[in-house]
């Protein structure tokens, strides 16, 4: 059977073009999927346990959950930026990333986060992004170390825990970048 015929399975094909709004919605969905997958995996619970973070019924504390969400938002944002670097107008990329963040924030409110808390959360997102970008110019491990510091509110943790989180960012950003390299961002 030939893939794509009515008699056989259809082959997945990446879209050739996306608008910033489509990009934002799709990446927001990926952020939530990455977040959920991380929380649902047994490895995450043991990693969080090693960091001293309480996990009840597979769910970390609110602070830890928010820090993990910010980390995945940053990793996806970085993947998008890398994919469209020198290929798409900065304004369109910025629009797509704004749509991503708006979609995540709207989802948070629709799932119980009081809207009045969003401005403070957005400030924290901005501060973390600045720190993670700065750390990424040094090394992936430096990013993981920064994430661990914010998860635990402690200055130092074993490098293998930081590396495990840094590997998560790479596991998100690289395939996303590769996927988006075939996509043209359009109005």
Foldseek 3Di string as FASTA:
>chain_A
DDAPDPVHHHDDDFDAADALLRLLVVLLVVLVVLLVVLLPDPVNVVLCVLLVFDADPSRTDPQLSLLSSLLSLLLSLLLLCLLCPVPADPVRSVSSNVSNVVVNLVVVVVVPDPPVCVVVSVVVSVVLNVQLVVLVVVHLLSNLQSSSCSNNVDNDDDSVSSVVSSVSSCVNRPVSSVSSNSYHHDD
